[in-house]
Amino acid sequence: MSKCIILRASKPYSSAEHEPLLRRVLVERPGLFAVVGASCVSWEDAMNWLCADLRMTEAPLPRFCNTTSHTEETLDEVVAFAEQWCTLRGLEKDIRVMAI
């Protein structure tokens, strides 16, 4: 299980195409889902809506993860952010970068 998952997006979120990917990410129960790149805000919004929808429709396992989008940052900056996020919570620096 990754504590932090960073998605480097090269295209905007499309529910028909990308919702299965977000569902697989949630199975890993990340503490942080950060997105950098093209239309990263659309990916963050989609994850937030998916978590809300799953909490309403697929009990008993609540789905939640902190989400962030990084429109003006590099991948290296977002990795540094995730490392700091882990440090501040006393967690092992368990970070995985995905690309789409």
PDB file of N, CA and C in Angstrom:
ATOM      1  N   MET A   1       0.849  -1.176   0.000  1.00  0.00           N
ATOM      2  CA  MET A   1       0.000   0.000   0.000  1.00  0.00           C
ATOM      3  C   MET A   1       0.892   1.236   0.000  1.00  0.00           C
ATOM      4  N   SER A   2       0.638   2.164  -0.893  1.00  0.00           N
ATOM      5  CA  SER A   2       1.383   3.420  -0.934  1.00  0.00           C
ATOM      6  C   SER A   2       0.700   4.445  -0.040  1.00  0.00           C
ATOM      7  N   LYS A   3       1.490   5.105   0.750  1.00  0.00           N
ATOM      8  CA  LYS A   3       0.923   6.164   1.588  1.00  0.00           C
ATOM      9  C   LYS A   3       0.577   7.380   0.733  1.00  0.00           C
ATOM     10  N   CYS A   4       1.423   7.655  -0.284  1.00  0.00           N
ATOM     11  CA  CYS A   4       1.218   8.794  -1.166  1.00  0.00           C
ATOM     12  C   CYS A   4       1.303   8.327  -2.613  1.00  0.00           C
ATOM     13  N   ILE A   5       0.305   8.715  -3.382  1.00  0.00           N
ATOM     14  CA  ILE A   5       0.331   8.422  -4.797  1.00  0.00           C
ATOM     15  C   ILE A   5       0.313   9.752  -5.536  1.00  0.00           C
ATOM     16  N   ILE A   6       1.280   9.912  -6.440  1.00  0.00           N
ATOM     17  CA  ILE A   6       1.346  11.106  -7.267  1.00  0.00           C
ATOM     18  C   ILE A   6       1.024  10.691  -8.690  1.00  0.00           C
ATOM     19  N   LEU A   7       0.059  11.370  -9.284  1.00  0.00           N
ATOM     20  CA  LEU A   7      -0.306  11.106 -10.666  1.00  0.00           C
ATOM     21  C   LEU A   7       0.224  12.239 -11.529  1.00  0.00           C
ATOM     22  N   ARG A   8       1.051  11.890 -12.495  1.00  0.00           N
ATOM     23  CA  ARG A   8       1.531  12.873 -13.476  1.00  0.00           C
ATOM     24  C   ARG A   8       0.606  12.752 -14.683  1.00  0.00           C
ATOM     25  N   ALA A   9      -0.286  13.722 -14.820  1.00  0.00           N
ATOM     26  CA  ALA A   9      -1.317  13.670 -15.852  1.00  0.00           C
ATOM     27  C   ALA A   9      -0.853  14.368 -17.124  1.00  0.00           C
ATOM     28  N   SER A  10      -1.078  13.720 -18.252  1.00  0.00           N
ATOM     29  CA  SER A  10      -0.758  14.315 -19.548  1.00  0.00           C
ATOM     30  C   SER A  10      -2.022  14.691 -20.314  1.00  0.00           C
ATOM     31  N   LYS A  11      -3.179  14.371 -19.719  1.00  0.00           N
ATOM     32  CA  LYS A  11      -4.446  14.719 -20.354  1.00  0.00           C
ATOM     33  C   LYS A  11      -5.507  14.917 -19.289  1.00  0.00           C
ATOM     34  N   PRO A  12      -6.594  15.614 -19.619  1.00  0.00           N
ATOM     35  CA  PRO A  12      -7.665  15.849 -18.649  1.00  0.00           C
ATOM     36  C   PRO A  12      -8.378  14.557 -18.263  1.00  0.00           C
ATOM     37  N   TYR A  13      -9.012  14.592 -17.117  1.00  0.00           N
ATOM     38  CA  TYR A  13      -9.796  13.462 -16.629  1.00  0.00           C
ATOM     39  C   TYR A  13     -11.023  13.254 -17.508  1.00  0.00           C
ATOM     40  N   SER A  14     -11.328  11.995 -17.786  1.00  0.00           N
ATOM     41  CA  SER A  14     -12.538  11.598 -18.492  1.00  0.00           C
ATOM     42  C   SER A  14     -13.149  10.446 -17.695  1.00  0.00           C
ATOM     43  N   SER A  15     -14.358  10.635 -17.194  1.00  0.00           N
ATOM     44  CA  SER A  15     -14.930   9.617 -16.304  1.00  0.00           C
ATOM     45  C   SER A  15     -15.028   8.254 -16.974  1.00  0.00           C
ATOM     46  N   ALA A  16     -15.440   8.205 -18.210  1.00  0.00           N
ATOM     47  CA  ALA A  16     -15.595   6.913 -18.877  1.00  0.00           C
ATOM     48  C   ALA A  16     -14.258   6.189 -19.007  1.00  0.00           C
ATOM     49  N   GLU A  17     -13.211   6.927 -19.263  1.00  0.00           N
ATOM     50  CA  GLU A  17     -11.903   6.326 -19.488  1.00  0.00           C
ATOM     51  C   GLU A  17     -11.098   6.131 -18.206  1.00  0.00           C
ATOM     52  N   HIS A  18     -11.230   7.052 -17.256  1.00  0.00           N
ATOM     53  CA  HIS A  18     -10.295   7.086 -16.130  1.00  0.00           C
ATOM     54  C   HIS A  18     -10.858   6.695 -14.763  1.00  0.00           C
ATOM     55  N   GLU A  19     -12.177   6.597 -14.627  1.00  0.00           N
ATOM     56  CA  GLU A  19     -12.723   6.228 -13.311  1.00  0.00           C
ATOM     57  C   GLU A  19     -12.192   4.886 -12.820  1.00  0.00           C
ATOM     58  N   PRO A  20     -12.033   3.874 -13.685  1.00  0.00           N
ATOM     59  CA  PRO A  20     -11.466   2.609 -13.193  1.00  0.00           C
ATOM     60  C   PRO A  20     -10.072   2.784 -12.579  1.00  0.00           C
ATOM     61  N   LEU A  21      -9.267   3.662 -13.145  1.00  0.00           N
ATOM     62  CA  LEU A  21      -7.943   3.931 -12.587  1.00  0.00           C
ATOM     63  C   LEU A  21      -8.067   4.522 -11.188  1.00  0.00           C
ATOM     64  N   LEU A  22      -8.949   5.495 -11.015  1.00  0.00           N
ATOM     65  CA  LEU A  22      -9.115   6.097  -9.687  1.00  0.00           C
ATOM     66  C   LEU A  22      -9.646   5.083  -8.683  1.00  0.00           C
ATOM     67  N   ARG A  23     -10.521   4.203  -9.116  1.00  0.00           N
ATOM     68  CA  ARG A  23     -11.026   3.156  -8.219  1.00  0.00           C
ATOM     69  C   ARG A  23      -9.890   2.226  -7.775  1.00  0.00           C
ATOM     70  N   ARG A  24      -8.983   1.899  -8.698  1.00  0.00           N
ATOM     71  CA  ARG A  24      -7.834   1.050  -8.325  1.00  0.00           C
ATOM     72  C   ARG A  24      -6.929   1.780  -7.342  1.00  0.00           C
ATOM     73  N   VAL A  25      -6.764   3.066  -7.523  1.00  0.00           N
ATOM     74  CA  VAL A  25      -5.963   3.858  -6.579  1.00  0.00           C
ATOM     75  C   VAL A  25      -6.592   3.799  -5.193  1.00  0.00           C
ATOM     76  N   LEU A  26      -7.887   3.936  -5.116  1.00  0.00           N
ATOM     77  CA  LEU A  26      -8.563   3.925  -3.809  1.00  0.00           C
ATOM     78  C   LEU A  26      -8.440   2.586  -3.097  1.00  0.00           C
ATOM     79  N   VAL A  27      -8.355   1.499  -3.842  1.00  0.00           N
ATOM     80  CA  VAL A  27      -8.181   0.180  -3.231  1.00  0.00           C
ATOM     81  C   VAL A  27      -6.890   0.154  -2.401  1.00  0.00           C
ATOM     82  N   GLU A  28      -5.891   0.916  -2.832  1.00  0.00           N
ATOM     83  CA  GLU A  28      -4.622   0.980  -2.104  1.00  0.00           C
ATOM     84  C   GLU A  28      -4.715   1.833  -0.837  1.00  0.00           C
ATOM     85  N   ARG A  29      -5.809   2.520  -0.670  1.00  0.00           N
ATOM     86  CA  ARG A  29      -6.066   3.364   0.508  1.00  0.00           C
ATOM     87  C   ARG A  29      -4.927   4.346   0.773  1.00  0.00           C
ATOM     88  N   PRO A  30      -4.607   5.179  -0.216  1.00  0.00           N
ATOM     89  CA  PRO A  30      -3.538   6.153   0.001  1.00  0.00           C
ATOM     90  C   PRO A  30      -3.969   7.228   0.984  1.00  0.00           C
ATOM     91  N   GLY A  31      -3.006   7.760   1.699  1.00  0.00           N
ATOM     92  CA  GLY A  31      -3.293   8.890   2.569  1.00  0.00           C
ATOM     93  C   GLY A  31      -3.306  10.193   1.798  1.00  0.00           C
ATOM     94  N   LEU A  32      -2.569  10.215   0.690  1.00  0.00           N
ATOM     95  CA  LEU A  32      -2.473  11.407  -0.143  1.00  0.00           C
ATOM     96  C   LEU A  32      -2.515  11.006  -1.604  1.00  0.00           C
ATOM     97  N   PHE A  33      -3.345  11.704  -2.364  1.00  0.00           N
ATOM     98  CA  PHE A  33      -3.398  11.569  -3.818  1.00  0.00           C
ATOM     99  C   PHE A  33      -3.114  12.949  -4.380  1.00  0.00           C
ATOM    100  N   ALA A  34      -1.937  13.110  -4.956  1.00  0.00           N
ATOM    101  CA  ALA A  34      -1.526  14.397  -5.513  1.00  0.00           C
ATOM    102  C   ALA A  34      -1.441  14.279  -7.022  1.00  0.00           C
ATOM    103  N   VAL A  35      -1.846  15.332  -7.710  1.00  0.00           N
ATOM    104  CA  VAL A  35      -1.824  15.319  -9.168  1.00  0.00           C
ATOM    105  C   VAL A  35      -1.041  16.522  -9.670  1.00  0.00           C
ATOM    106  N   VAL A  36      -0.206  16.276 -10.667  1.00  0.00           N
ATOM    107  CA  VAL A  36       0.577  17.330 -11.309  1.00  0.00           C
ATOM    108  C   VAL A  36       0.422  17.156 -12.811  1.00  0.00           C
ATOM    109  N   GLY A  37       0.394  18.266 -13.538  1.00  0.00           N
ATOM    110  CA  GLY A  37       0.340  18.167 -14.992  1.00  0.00           C
ATOM    111  C   GLY A  37      -0.951  18.690 -15.574  1.00  0.00           C
ATOM    112  N   ALA A  38      -1.237  18.224 -16.787  1.00  0.00           N
ATOM    113  CA  ALA A  38      -2.369  18.717 -17.568  1.00  0.00           C
ATOM    114  C   ALA A  38      -3.695  18.541 -16.841  1.00  0.00           C
ATOM    115  N   SER A  39      -4.407  19.622 -16.709  1.00  0.00           N
ATOM    116  CA  SER A  39      -5.750  19.586 -16.104  1.00  0.00           C
ATOM    117  C   SER A  39      -5.780  18.837 -14.778  1.00  0.00           C
ATOM    118  N   CYS A  40      -4.760  19.039 -13.962  1.00  0.00           N
ATOM    119  CA  CYS A  40      -4.679  18.279 -12.712  1.00  0.00           C
ATOM    120  C   CYS A  40      -5.847  18.565 -11.776  1.00  0.00           C
ATOM    121  N   VAL A  41      -6.426  19.752 -11.864  1.00  0.00           N
ATOM    122  CA  VAL A  41      -7.573  20.058 -11.009  1.00  0.00           C
ATOM    123  C   VAL A  41      -8.745  19.136 -11.340  1.00  0.00           C
ATOM    124  N   SER A  42      -8.921  18.789 -12.619  1.00  0.00           N
ATOM    125  CA  SER A  42     -10.021  17.892 -12.995  1.00  0.00           C
ATOM    126  C   SER A  42      -9.835  16.513 -12.371  1.00  0.00           C
ATOM    127  N   TRP A  43      -8.586  16.058 -12.262  1.00  0.00           N
ATOM    128  CA  TRP A  43      -8.297  14.763 -11.630  1.00  0.00           C
ATOM    129  C   TRP A  43      -8.578  14.825 -10.125  1.00  0.00           C
ATOM    130  N   GLU A  44      -8.160  15.903  -9.477  1.00  0.00           N
ATOM    131  CA  GLU A  44      -8.412  16.045  -8.036  1.00  0.00           C
ATOM    132  C   GLU A  44      -9.915  16.089  -7.768  1.00  0.00           C
ATOM    133  N   ASP A  45     -10.648  16.887  -8.553  1.00  0.00           N
ATOM    134  CA  ASP A  45     -12.102  16.966  -8.385  1.00  0.00           C
ATOM    135  C   ASP A  45     -12.755  15.596  -8.582  1.00  0.00           C
ATOM    136  N   ALA A  46     -12.299  14.869  -9.595  1.00  0.00           N
ATOM    137  CA  ALA A  46     -12.878  13.546  -9.862  1.00  0.00           C
ATOM    138  C   ALA A  46     -12.661  12.604  -8.688  1.00  0.00           C
ATOM    139  N   MET A  47     -11.464  12.627  -8.114  1.00  0.00           N
ATOM    140  CA  MET A  47     -11.194  11.758  -6.956  1.00  0.00           C
ATOM    141  C   MET A  47     -12.082  12.148  -5.778  1.00  0.00           C
ATOM    142  N   ASN A  48     -12.231  13.438  -5.539  1.00  0.00           N
ATOM    143  CA  ASN A  48     -13.089  13.886  -4.442  1.00  0.00           C
ATOM    144  C   ASN A  48     -14.528  13.433  -4.649  1.00  0.00           C
ATOM    145  N   TRP A  49     -15.050  13.598  -5.859  1.00  0.00           N
ATOM    146  CA  TRP A  49     -16.423  13.173  -6.142  1.00  0.00           C
ATOM    147  C   TRP A  49     -16.576  11.661  -6.050  1.00  0.00           C
ATOM    148  N   LEU A  50     -15.576  10.930  -6.512  1.00  0.00           N
ATOM    149  CA  LEU A  50     -15.641   9.470  -6.426  1.00  0.00           C
ATOM    150  C   LEU A  50     -15.661   9.020  -4.974  1.00  0.00           C
ATOM    151  N   CYS A  51     -14.828   9.602  -4.148  1.00  0.00           N
ATOM    152  CA  CYS A  51     -14.829   9.245  -2.718  1.00  0.00           C
ATOM    153  C   CYS A  51     -16.187   9.531  -2.096  1.00  0.00           C
ATOM    154  N   ALA A  52     -16.756  10.686  -2.404  1.00  0.00           N
ATOM    155  CA  ALA A  52     -18.071  11.035  -1.853  1.00  0.00           C
ATOM    156  C   ALA A  52     -19.130  10.053  -2.338  1.00  0.00           C
ATOM    157  N   ASP A  53     -19.101   9.716  -3.610  1.00  0.00           N
ATOM    158  CA  ASP A  53     -20.083   8.793  -4.169  1.00  0.00           C
ATOM    159  C   ASP A  53     -19.951   7.404  -3.554  1.00  0.00           C
ATOM    160  N   LEU A  54     -18.727   6.915  -3.410  1.00  0.00           N
ATOM    161  CA  LEU A  54     -18.523   5.585  -2.834  1.00  0.00           C
ATOM    162  C   LEU A  54     -18.959   5.528  -1.378  1.00  0.00           C
ATOM    163  N   ARG A  55     -18.770   6.620  -0.637  1.00  0.00           N
ATOM    164  CA  ARG A  55     -19.224   6.641   0.765  1.00  0.00           C
ATOM    165  C   ARG A  55     -20.742   6.533   0.834  1.00  0.00           C
ATOM    166  N   MET A  56     -21.417   7.059  -0.173  1.00  0.00           N
ATOM    167  CA  MET A  56     -22.883   7.030  -0.167  1.00  0.00           C
ATOM    168  C   MET A  56     -23.433   5.705  -0.697  1.00  0.00           C
ATOM    169  N   THR A  57     -22.716   5.067  -1.626  1.00  0.00           N
ATOM    170  CA  THR A  57     -23.314   3.929  -2.328  1.00  0.00           C
ATOM    171  C   THR A  57     -22.690   2.573  -2.023  1.00  0.00           C
ATOM    172  N   GLU A  58     -21.486   2.560  -1.471  1.00  0.00           N
ATOM    173  CA  GLU A  58     -20.809   1.274  -1.297  1.00  0.00           C
ATOM    174  C   GLU A  58     -20.335   1.058   0.140  1.00  0.00           C
ATOM    175  N   ALA A  59     -21.247   1.198   1.091  1.00  0.00           N
ATOM    176  CA  ALA A  59     -20.925   0.927   2.484  1.00  0.00           C
ATOM    177  C   ALA A  59     -20.554  -0.543   2.597  1.00  0.00           C
ATOM    178  N   PRO A  60     -19.852  -0.976   3.577  1.00  0.00           N
ATOM    179  CA  PRO A  60     -19.474  -0.271   4.788  1.00  0.00           C
ATOM    180  C   PRO A  60     -18.083   0.373   4.752  1.00  0.00           C
ATOM    181  N   LEU A  61     -17.301   0.196   3.689  1.00  0.00           N
ATOM    182  CA  LEU A  61     -15.951   0.736   3.685  1.00  0.00           C
ATOM    183  C   LEU A  61     -15.949   2.189   3.236  1.00  0.00           C
ATOM    184  N   PRO A  62     -15.723   3.105   4.159  1.00  0.00           N
ATOM    185  CA  PRO A  62     -15.657   4.510   3.749  1.00  0.00           C
ATOM    186  C   PRO A  62     -14.407   4.746   2.915  1.00  0.00           C
ATOM    187  N   ARG A  63     -14.511   5.573   1.912  1.00  0.00           N
ATOM    188  CA  ARG A  63     -13.371   5.925   1.076  1.00  0.00           C
ATOM    189  C   ARG A  63     -13.005   7.378   1.352  1.00  0.00           C
ATOM    190  N   PHE A  64     -11.755   7.599   1.630  1.00  0.00           N
ATOM    191  CA  PHE A  64     -11.269   8.960   1.854  1.00  0.00           C
ATOM    192  C   PHE A  64      -9.774   9.002   1.598  1.00  0.00           C
ATOM    193  N   CYS A  65      -9.331  10.045   0.973  1.00  0.00           N
ATOM    194  CA  CYS A  65      -7.907  10.346   0.914  1.00  0.00           C
ATOM    195  C   CYS A  65      -7.767  11.850   0.712  1.00  0.00           C
ATOM    196  N   ASN A  66      -6.711  12.392   1.250  1.00  0.00           N
ATOM    197  CA  ASN A  66      -6.416  13.795   1.024  1.00  0.00           C
ATOM    198  C   ASN A  66      -6.012  13.949  -0.431  1.00  0.00           C
ATOM    199  N   THR A  67      -6.487  15.002  -1.068  1.00  0.00           N
ATOM    200  CA  THR A  67      -6.151  15.236  -2.465  1.00  0.00           C
ATOM    201  C   THR A  67      -5.556  16.623  -2.630  1.00  0.00           C
ATOM    202  N   THR A  68      -4.615  16.730  -3.563  1.00  0.00           N
ATOM    203  CA  THR A  68      -4.040  18.024  -3.909  1.00  0.00           C
ATOM    204  C   THR A  68      -3.780  18.051  -5.406  1.00  0.00           C
ATOM    205  N   SER A  69      -3.856  19.246  -5.979  1.00  0.00           N
ATOM    206  CA  SER A  69      -3.481  19.424  -7.384  1.00  0.00           C
ATOM    207  C   SER A  69      -2.416  20.507  -7.436  1.00  0.00           C
ATOM    208  N   HIS A  70      -1.491  20.340  -8.353  1.00  0.00           N
ATOM    209  CA  HIS A  70      -0.302  21.192  -8.411  1.00  0.00           C
ATOM    210  C   HIS A  70      -0.114  21.700  -9.838  1.00  0.00           C
ATOM    211  N   THR A  71      -0.810  22.781 -10.156  1.00  0.00           N
ATOM    212  CA  THR A  71      -0.842  23.277 -11.530  1.00  0.00           C
ATOM    213  C   THR A  71       0.452  23.962 -11.961  1.00  0.00           C
ATOM    214  N   GLU A  72       1.111  24.617 -11.082  1.00  0.00           N
ATOM    215  CA  GLU A  72       2.301  25.400 -11.443  1.00  0.00           C
ATOM    216  C   GLU A  72       3.581  24.809 -10.871  1.00  0.00           C
ATOM    217  N   GLU A  73       3.592  23.504 -10.613  1.00  0.00           N
ATOM    218  CA  GLU A  73       4.754  22.870  -9.998  1.00  0.00           C
ATOM    219  C   GLU A  73       5.296  21.757 -10.880  1.00  0.00           C
ATOM    220  N   THR A  74       6.550  21.446 -10.660  1.00  0.00           N
ATOM    221  CA  THR A  74       7.173  20.328 -11.369  1.00  0.00           C
ATOM    222  C   THR A  74       6.916  19.035 -10.600  1.00  0.00           C
ATOM    223  N   LEU A  75       7.172  17.923 -11.264  1.00  0.00           N
ATOM    224  CA  LEU A  75       7.038  16.635 -10.592  1.00  0.00           C
ATOM    225  C   LEU A  75       7.969  16.565  -9.383  1.00  0.00           C
ATOM    226  N   ASP A  76       9.193  17.045  -9.527  1.00  0.00           N
ATOM    227  CA  ASP A  76      10.138  17.033  -8.396  1.00  0.00           C
ATOM    228  C   ASP A  76       9.609  17.815  -7.208  1.00  0.00           C
ATOM    229  N   GLU A  77       8.960  18.939  -7.460  1.00  0.00           N
ATOM    230  CA  GLU A  77       8.386  19.736  -6.366  1.00  0.00           C
ATOM    231  C   GLU A  77       7.250  18.992  -5.681  1.00  0.00           C
ATOM    232  N   VAL A  78       6.456  18.284  -6.448  1.00  0.00           N
ATOM    233  CA  VAL A  78       5.335  17.535  -5.865  1.00  0.00           C
ATOM    234  C   VAL A  78       5.848  16.337  -5.070  1.00  0.00           C
ATOM    235  N   VAL A  79       6.890  15.691  -5.541  1.00  0.00           N
ATOM    236  CA  VAL A  79       7.505  14.598  -4.777  1.00  0.00           C
ATOM    237  C   VAL A  79       8.038  15.151  -3.456  1.00  0.00           C
ATOM    238  N   ALA A  80       8.692  16.298  -3.489  1.00  0.00           N
ATOM    239  CA  ALA A  80       9.192  16.915  -2.251  1.00  0.00           C
ATOM    240  C   ALA A  80       8.033  17.251  -1.314  1.00  0.00           C
ATOM    241  N   PHE A  81       6.917  17.722  -1.862  1.00  0.00           N
ATOM    242  CA  PHE A  81       5.724  18.006  -1.060  1.00  0.00           C
ATOM    243  C   PHE A  81       5.232  16.723  -0.382  1.00  0.00           C
ATOM    244  N   ALA A  82       5.151  15.632  -1.144  1.00  0.00           N
ATOM    245  CA  ALA A  82       4.677  14.358  -0.588  1.00  0.00           C
ATOM    246  C   ALA A  82       5.626  13.840   0.494  1.00  0.00           C
ATOM    247  N   GLU A  83       6.917  13.993   0.275  1.00  0.00           N
ATOM    248  CA  GLU A  83       7.884  13.579   1.303  1.00  0.00           C
ATOM    249  C   GLU A  83       7.673  14.377   2.583  1.00  0.00           C
ATOM    250  N   GLN A  84       7.467  15.670   2.457  1.00  0.00           N
ATOM    251  CA  GLN A  84       7.218  16.519   3.626  1.00  0.00           C
ATOM    252  C   GLN A  84       5.905  16.129   4.298  1.00  0.00           C
ATOM    253  N   TRP A  85       4.897  15.812   3.499  1.00  0.00           N
ATOM    254  CA  TRP A  85       3.601  15.395   4.017  1.00  0.00           C
ATOM    255  C   TRP A  85       3.774  14.147   4.896  1.00  0.00           C
ATOM    256  N   CYS A  86       4.562  13.178   4.405  1.00  0.00           N
ATOM    257  CA  CYS A  86       4.828  11.957   5.179  1.00  0.00           C
ATOM    258  C   CYS A  86       5.582  12.287   6.469  1.00  0.00           C
ATOM    259  N   THR A  87       6.600  13.107   6.355  1.00  0.00           N
ATOM    260  CA  THR A  87       7.414  13.473   7.523  1.00  0.00           C
ATOM    261  C   THR A  87       6.561  14.129   8.598  1.00  0.00           C
ATOM    262  N   LEU A  88       5.710  15.060   8.207  1.00  0.00           N
ATOM    263  CA  LEU A  88       4.876  15.775   9.177  1.00  0.00           C
ATOM    264  C   LEU A  88       3.895  14.851   9.885  1.00  0.00           C
ATOM    265  N   ARG A  89       3.548  13.746   9.265  1.00  0.00           N
ATOM    266  CA  ARG A  89       2.622  12.786   9.874  1.00  0.00           C
ATOM    267  C   ARG A  89       3.331  11.618  10.535  1.00  0.00           C
ATOM    268  N   GLY A  90       4.646  11.653  10.516  1.00  0.00           N
ATOM    269  CA  GLY A  90       5.414  10.577  11.141  1.00  0.00           C
ATOM    270  C   GLY A  90       5.324   9.269  10.383  1.00  0.00           C
ATOM    271  N   LEU A  91       5.110   9.356   9.086  1.00  0.00           N
ATOM    272  CA  LEU A  91       4.960   8.162   8.263  1.00  0.00           C
ATOM    273  C   LEU A  91       6.243   7.873   7.498  1.00  0.00           C
ATOM    274  N   GLU A  92       6.427   6.621   7.148  1.00  0.00           N
ATOM    275  CA  GLU A  92       7.519   6.249   6.261  1.00  0.00           C
ATOM    276  C   GLU A  92       7.283   6.920   4.914  1.00  0.00           C
ATOM    277  N   LYS A  93       8.349   7.346   4.255  1.00  0.00           N
ATOM    278  CA  LYS A  93       8.209   8.004   2.948  1.00  0.00           C
ATOM    279  C   LYS A  93       7.919   6.953   1.882  1.00  0.00           C
ATOM    280  N   ASP A  94       6.667   6.644   1.768  1.00  0.00           N
ATOM    281  CA  ASP A  94       6.178   5.631   0.836  1.00  0.00           C
ATOM    282  C   ASP A  94       5.429   6.363  -0.273  1.00  0.00           C
ATOM    283  N   ILE A  95       6.132   6.655  -1.370  1.00  0.00           N
ATOM    284  CA  ILE A  95       5.586   7.484  -2.432  1.00  0.00           C
ATOM    285  C   ILE A  95       5.685   6.746  -3.760  1.00  0.00           C
ATOM    286  N   ARG A  96       4.600   6.723  -4.494  1.00  0.00           N
ATOM    287  CA  ARG A  96       4.602   6.098  -5.825  1.00  0.00           C
ATOM    288  C   ARG A  96       4.135   7.119  -6.844  1.00  0.00           C
ATOM    289  N   VAL A  97       4.855   7.230  -7.943  1.00  0.00           N
ATOM    290  CA  VAL A  97       4.493   8.120  -9.031  1.00  0.00           C
ATOM    291  C   VAL A  97       3.903   7.286 -10.160  1.00  0.00           C
ATOM    292  N   MET A  98       2.721   7.706 -10.623  1.00  0.00           N
ATOM    293  CA  MET A  98       2.062   7.077 -11.743  1.00  0.00           C
ATOM    294  C   MET A  98       1.999   8.101 -12.878  1.00  0.00           C
ATOM    295  N   ALA A  99       1.942   7.642 -14.087  1.00  0.00           N
ATOM    296  CA  ALA A  99       1.800   8.553 -15.225  1.00  0.00           C
ATOM    297  C   ALA A  99       0.647   8.103 -16.101  1.00  0.00           C
ATOM    298  N   ILE A 100      -0.069   9.091 -16.629  1.00  0.00           N
ATOM    299  CA  ILE A 100      -1.139   8.794 -17.582  1.00  0.00           C
ATOM    300  C   ILE A 100      -1.138   9.858 -18.664  1.00  0.00           C
TER     301      ILE A 100
END
